[in-house]
Amino acid sequence: MTSTSATPIEILPSILSADFTRLGSAIEEVVAAGARVIHCDVMDGQFVPPITFGAQMVANLRDRFGDTVDLDVHLMIDAPERQVSDFVKAGASGFTFHAEATPHAHRILQQLKEAGVRGGLAVCPGTPIGAIEECVDDLGLALCMTVNPGWGGQKLIPHTIAKTGRIAAAVKAGTIVQVDGGVDVHTAPLVAAQGAHWLVAGSAVFGAADPGAAFQAIEQAARDAAPVA
């Protein structure tokens, strides 16, 4: 089993690093630059210390942007099975939860598949990839955290580069391999070369003087390094 590089490389601007007082216009800026998938980090103050937002924010973004963007929701919360239905109703295109946060990963992924929503499973930098290997038949997306979750602006942890490659080799063809953390114009080629398809970039995009230009530079760097299908 192996993921395929035929899946297009996408850079996912993470709104965790955006200015929430002008969130709508910040998203519009990167969408105008070519972003097709927006990454929404949901934190509960339990699985990770910070608290961000819940399903209502996702519903508001869906109302504002309609079907023009894919809303990729990353649930950094304990017991995600308790909130699956809320985020499905809110209009999430897909969402990813952590293997470390629940003993019910297989059940949640099947529930998402039945709802027609892309289901993803994430593993932290210190977590083996076995949880992903056990769920390959139900995965729409496998997320390799390249930093420890909770805060933006961290540096990519070097050993997660090779780990990304192991995940790409473990999942089925057509499964999206995603990385999240420390992605910028310098690190994007490293994980893209390992088979990552979707690269989450927060501070490297929204912290730049020109977020649209930063998005495009990271996208080009990743696509130049991606394996040829």
Protein backbone atom coordinates (compact mmCIF):
# COMPACT_ATOMS: atom_id res chain seq x y z
CA MET A 1 0.00 0.00 0.00
CA THR A 2 1.27 3.42 -0.80
CA SER A 3 -0.11 6.91 -1.20
CA THR A 4 0.17 8.43 -4.64
CA SER A 5 1.84 11.69 -5.60
CA ALA A 6 -0.93 12.10 -8.20
CA THR A 7 -2.86 13.78 -5.39
CA PRO A 8 -2.21 17.49 -5.98
CA ILE A 9 0.02 19.40 -3.60
CA GLU A 10 -2.03 21.90 -1.61
CA ILE A 11 -0.90 24.49 0.91
CA LEU A 12 -3.49 24.93 3.66
CA PRO A 13 -3.39 28.34 5.34
CA SER A 14 -4.11 27.82 9.02
CA ILE A 15 -6.41 30.43 10.50
CA LEU A 16 -4.85 29.81 13.92
CA SER A 17 -2.21 32.33 12.84
CA ALA A 18 -4.60 34.83 11.28
CA ASP A 19 -5.89 38.05 12.86
CA PHE A 20 -9.32 37.03 14.15
CA THR A 21 -10.53 40.64 14.06
CA ARG A 22 -10.31 40.49 10.26
CA LEU A 23 -10.60 36.76 9.69
CA GLY A 24 -12.93 36.91 6.71
CA SER A 25 -10.76 39.30 4.73
CA ALA A 26 -7.61 37.38 5.70
CA ILE A 27 -9.10 34.21 4.23
CA GLU A 28 -10.25 36.08 1.13
CA GLU A 29 -6.68 37.26 0.58
CA VAL A 30 -5.21 33.76 0.47
CA VAL A 31 -8.13 32.38 -1.53
CA ALA A 32 -7.45 35.08 -4.13
CA ALA A 33 -3.84 33.86 -4.21
CA GLY A 34 -4.99 30.32 -5.01
CA ALA A 35 -5.75 28.62 -1.68
CA ARG A 36 -8.44 26.00 -2.05
CA VAL A 37 -8.35 24.44 1.41
CA ILE A 38 -8.53 26.38 4.69
CA HIS A 39 -7.27 24.70 7.86
CA CYS A 40 -9.33 25.31 11.01
CA ASP A 41 -7.72 24.37 14.33
CA VAL A 42 -10.22 23.52 17.05
CA MET A 43 -8.70 23.38 20.56
CA ASP A 44 -10.51 22.64 23.80
CA GLY A 45 -8.03 23.58 26.53
CA GLN A 46 -7.82 19.91 27.52
CA PHE A 47 -6.07 17.92 24.80
CA VAL A 48 -3.94 21.02 24.26
CA PRO A 49 -3.76 24.04 26.60
CA PRO A 50 -5.13 26.76 24.27
CA ILE A 51 -8.81 27.25 23.44
CA THR A 52 -9.80 28.47 19.99
CA PHE A 53 -13.34 28.01 18.63
CA GLY A 54 -16.04 25.45 17.99
CA ALA A 55 -18.54 24.32 15.41
CA GLN A 56 -20.28 27.70 15.18
CA MET A 57 -17.16 29.31 13.70
CA VAL A 58 -17.01 26.60 11.05
CA ALA A 59 -20.70 27.17 10.28
CA ASN A 60 -20.07 30.91 9.95
CA LEU A 61 -17.18 30.33 7.55
CA ARG A 62 -19.31 27.97 5.48
CA ASP A 63 -22.05 30.58 5.31
CA ARG A 64 -19.59 33.24 4.19
CA PHE A 65 -17.58 31.23 1.66
CA GLY A 66 -20.12 28.68 0.49
CA ASP A 67 -18.59 25.92 -1.59
CA THR A 68 -15.65 28.03 -2.78
CA VAL A 69 -13.29 26.54 -0.17
CA ASP A 70 -12.70 23.19 1.48
CA LEU A 71 -12.91 23.64 5.27
CA ASP A 72 -10.42 21.20 6.77
CA VAL A 73 -11.12 20.98 10.50
CA HIS A 74 -8.38 19.74 12.84
CA LEU A 75 -9.87 18.62 16.14
CA MET A 76 -7.29 18.96 18.90
CA ILE A 77 -9.83 17.94 21.52
CA ASP A 78 -10.42 15.11 23.96
CA ALA A 79 -13.15 12.59 23.12
CA PRO A 80 -13.80 13.91 19.59
CA GLU A 81 -16.61 11.38 19.17
CA ARG A 82 -18.76 13.69 21.29
CA GLN A 83 -18.60 16.49 18.72
CA VAL A 84 -18.46 14.70 15.38
CA SER A 85 -22.11 15.35 14.53
CA ASP A 86 -21.84 19.06 15.42
CA PHE A 87 -19.02 19.63 12.96
CA VAL A 88 -20.70 17.59 10.24
CA LYS A 89 -23.79 19.79 10.62
CA ALA A 90 -21.59 22.91 10.61
CA GLY A 91 -20.40 22.13 7.09
CA ALA A 92 -16.87 20.82 7.58
CA SER A 93 -15.55 19.33 4.35
CA GLY A 94 -13.49 16.94 6.41
CA PHE A 95 -11.91 16.76 9.76
CA THR A 96 -9.05 15.12 11.51
CA PHE A 97 -8.89 13.96 15.11
CA HIS A 98 -6.00 12.61 17.16
CA ALA A 99 -5.26 8.96 17.79
CA GLU A 100 -4.11 10.01 21.26
CA ALA A 101 -7.47 11.59 22.11
CA THR A 102 -9.81 8.61 21.82
CA PRO A 103 -9.93 4.80 21.93
CA HIS A 104 -12.63 4.89 19.25
CA ALA A 105 -10.70 5.95 16.14
CA HIS A 106 -12.09 3.20 13.93
CA ARG A 107 -15.67 3.91 14.96
CA ILE A 108 -15.32 7.66 14.32
CA LEU A 109 -13.78 7.12 10.89
CA GLN A 110 -16.61 4.79 9.90
CA GLN A 111 -19.14 7.33 11.14
CA LEU A 112 -17.54 10.02 9.00
CA LYS A 113 -17.44 7.77 5.96
CA GLU A 114 -21.15 7.04 6.36
CA ALA A 115 -21.81 10.79 6.58
CA GLY A 116 -19.88 11.40 3.35
CA VAL A 117 -17.29 13.50 5.14
CA ARG A 118 -13.52 13.09 4.75
CA GLY A 119 -12.14 11.52 7.91
CA GLY A 120 -8.55 11.97 9.01
CA LEU A 121 -6.41 10.56 11.79
CA ALA A 122 -3.47 12.47 13.29
CA VAL A 123 -0.45 11.31 15.25
CA CYS A 124 1.80 13.56 17.36
CA PRO A 125 5.58 13.58 16.82
CA GLY A 126 6.20 11.05 19.60
CA THR A 127 3.36 8.69 18.63
CA PRO A 128 4.11 5.62 16.46
CA ILE A 129 2.26 5.34 13.16
CA GLY A 130 0.60 2.06 14.15
CA ALA A 131 -2.75 3.75 14.81
CA ILE A 132 -2.81 4.93 11.21
CA GLU A 133 -1.80 1.50 9.91
CA GLU A 134 -4.72 -0.10 11.78
CA CYS A 135 -7.26 2.22 10.11
CA VAL A 136 -6.03 2.43 6.51
CA ASP A 137 -9.26 1.08 5.02
CA ASP A 138 -11.30 3.94 6.45
CA LEU A 139 -8.88 6.85 6.15
CA GLY A 140 -9.43 9.76 3.83
CA LEU A 141 -6.44 11.57 5.28
CA ALA A 142 -3.45 10.76 7.49
CA LEU A 143 -1.86 13.65 9.39
CA CYS A 144 1.73 13.62 10.57
CA MET A 145 2.16 16.34 13.16
CA THR A 146 5.56 17.89 12.52
CA VAL A 147 5.40 19.88 15.77
CA ASN A 148 3.75 19.14 19.09
CA PRO A 149 0.18 20.44 18.81
CA GLY A 150 -1.16 23.53 20.51
CA TRP A 151 0.70 26.58 19.28
CA GLY A 152 1.61 28.15 15.96
CA GLY A 153 5.05 29.44 15.05
CA GLN A 154 7.01 26.34 16.10
CA LYS A 155 9.93 24.87 14.18
CA LEU A 156 9.46 21.60 12.34
CA ILE A 157 10.84 18.63 14.31
CA PRO A 158 13.46 16.97 12.05
CA HIS A 159 12.60 13.31 12.67
CA THR A 160 9.04 13.89 11.45
CA ILE A 161 10.33 14.34 7.89
CA ALA A 162 11.19 10.65 7.55
CA LYS A 163 8.07 9.76 9.55
CA THR A 164 6.00 11.48 6.87
CA GLY A 165 7.52 9.11 4.34
CA ARG A 166 6.66 6.08 6.45
CA ILE A 167 3.07 7.22 6.69
CA ALA A 168 2.91 7.81 2.94
CA ALA A 169 4.15 4.26 2.38
CA ALA A 170 1.63 2.80 4.83
CA VAL A 171 -1.62 4.30 3.57
CA LYS A 172 -3.65 3.31 0.55
CA ALA A 173 -3.36 5.02 -2.81
CA GLY A 174 -5.58 8.08 -2.89
CA THR A 175 -5.32 8.77 0.83
CA ILE A 176 -4.21 12.34 1.48
CA VAL A 177 -0.98 12.62 3.48
CA GLN A 178 -0.97 15.84 5.47
CA VAL A 179 1.70 17.54 7.59
CA ASP A 180 1.14 20.29 10.11
CA GLY A 181 3.72 22.41 11.89
CA GLY A 182 6.74 24.46 10.97
CA VAL A 183 5.97 24.46 7.24
CA ASP A 184 7.60 27.30 5.31
CA VAL A 185 9.37 27.82 2.01
CA HIS A 186 12.42 25.93 3.32
CA THR A 187 10.74 22.94 4.97
CA ALA A 188 7.88 22.43 2.52
CA PRO A 189 10.14 20.76 -0.08
CA LEU A 190 11.47 18.33 2.54
CA VAL A 191 8.07 16.90 3.46
CA ALA A 192 6.73 17.10 -0.10
CA ALA A 193 9.64 14.94 -1.23
CA GLN A 194 8.54 12.35 1.35
CA GLY A 195 5.06 12.14 -0.14
CA ALA A 196 3.08 14.80 1.73
CA HIS A 197 0.18 16.19 -0.32
CA TRP A 198 -1.42 18.76 1.98
CA LEU A 199 0.90 21.06 3.91
CA VAL A 200 -0.55 23.24 6.66
CA ALA A 201 1.15 26.63 6.92
CA GLY A 202 0.10 29.18 9.51
CA SER A 203 2.58 31.81 10.63
CA ALA A 204 4.62 31.44 7.43
CA VAL A 205 1.55 32.66 5.52
CA PHE A 206 -0.45 34.93 7.81
CA GLY A 207 2.65 36.27 9.55
CA ALA A 208 4.15 37.47 6.27
CA ALA A 209 3.89 41.04 5.01
CA ASP A 210 2.15 39.67 1.91
CA PRO A 211 0.26 36.48 2.85
CA GLY A 212 -0.81 35.79 -0.72
CA ALA A 213 2.75 35.94 -2.04
CA ALA A 214 4.00 33.82 0.87
CA PHE A 215 1.34 31.21 0.15
CA GLN A 216 2.35 31.05 -3.51
CA ALA A 217 6.06 30.78 -2.71
CA ILE A 218 5.51 27.85 -0.34
CA GLU A 219 3.21 26.16 -2.84
CA GLN A 220 5.77 26.44 -5.63
CA ALA A 221 8.60 25.16 -3.44
CA ALA A 222 6.55 22.12 -2.42
CA ARG A 223 5.37 21.32 -5.94
CA ASP A 224 8.90 21.54 -7.30
CA ALA A 225 10.03 18.91 -4.78
CA ALA A 226 7.08 16.50 -5.01
CA PRO A 227 7.78 13.04 -6.45
CA VAL A 228 6.73 12.52 -10.05
CA ALA A 229 3.73 10.22 -10.27
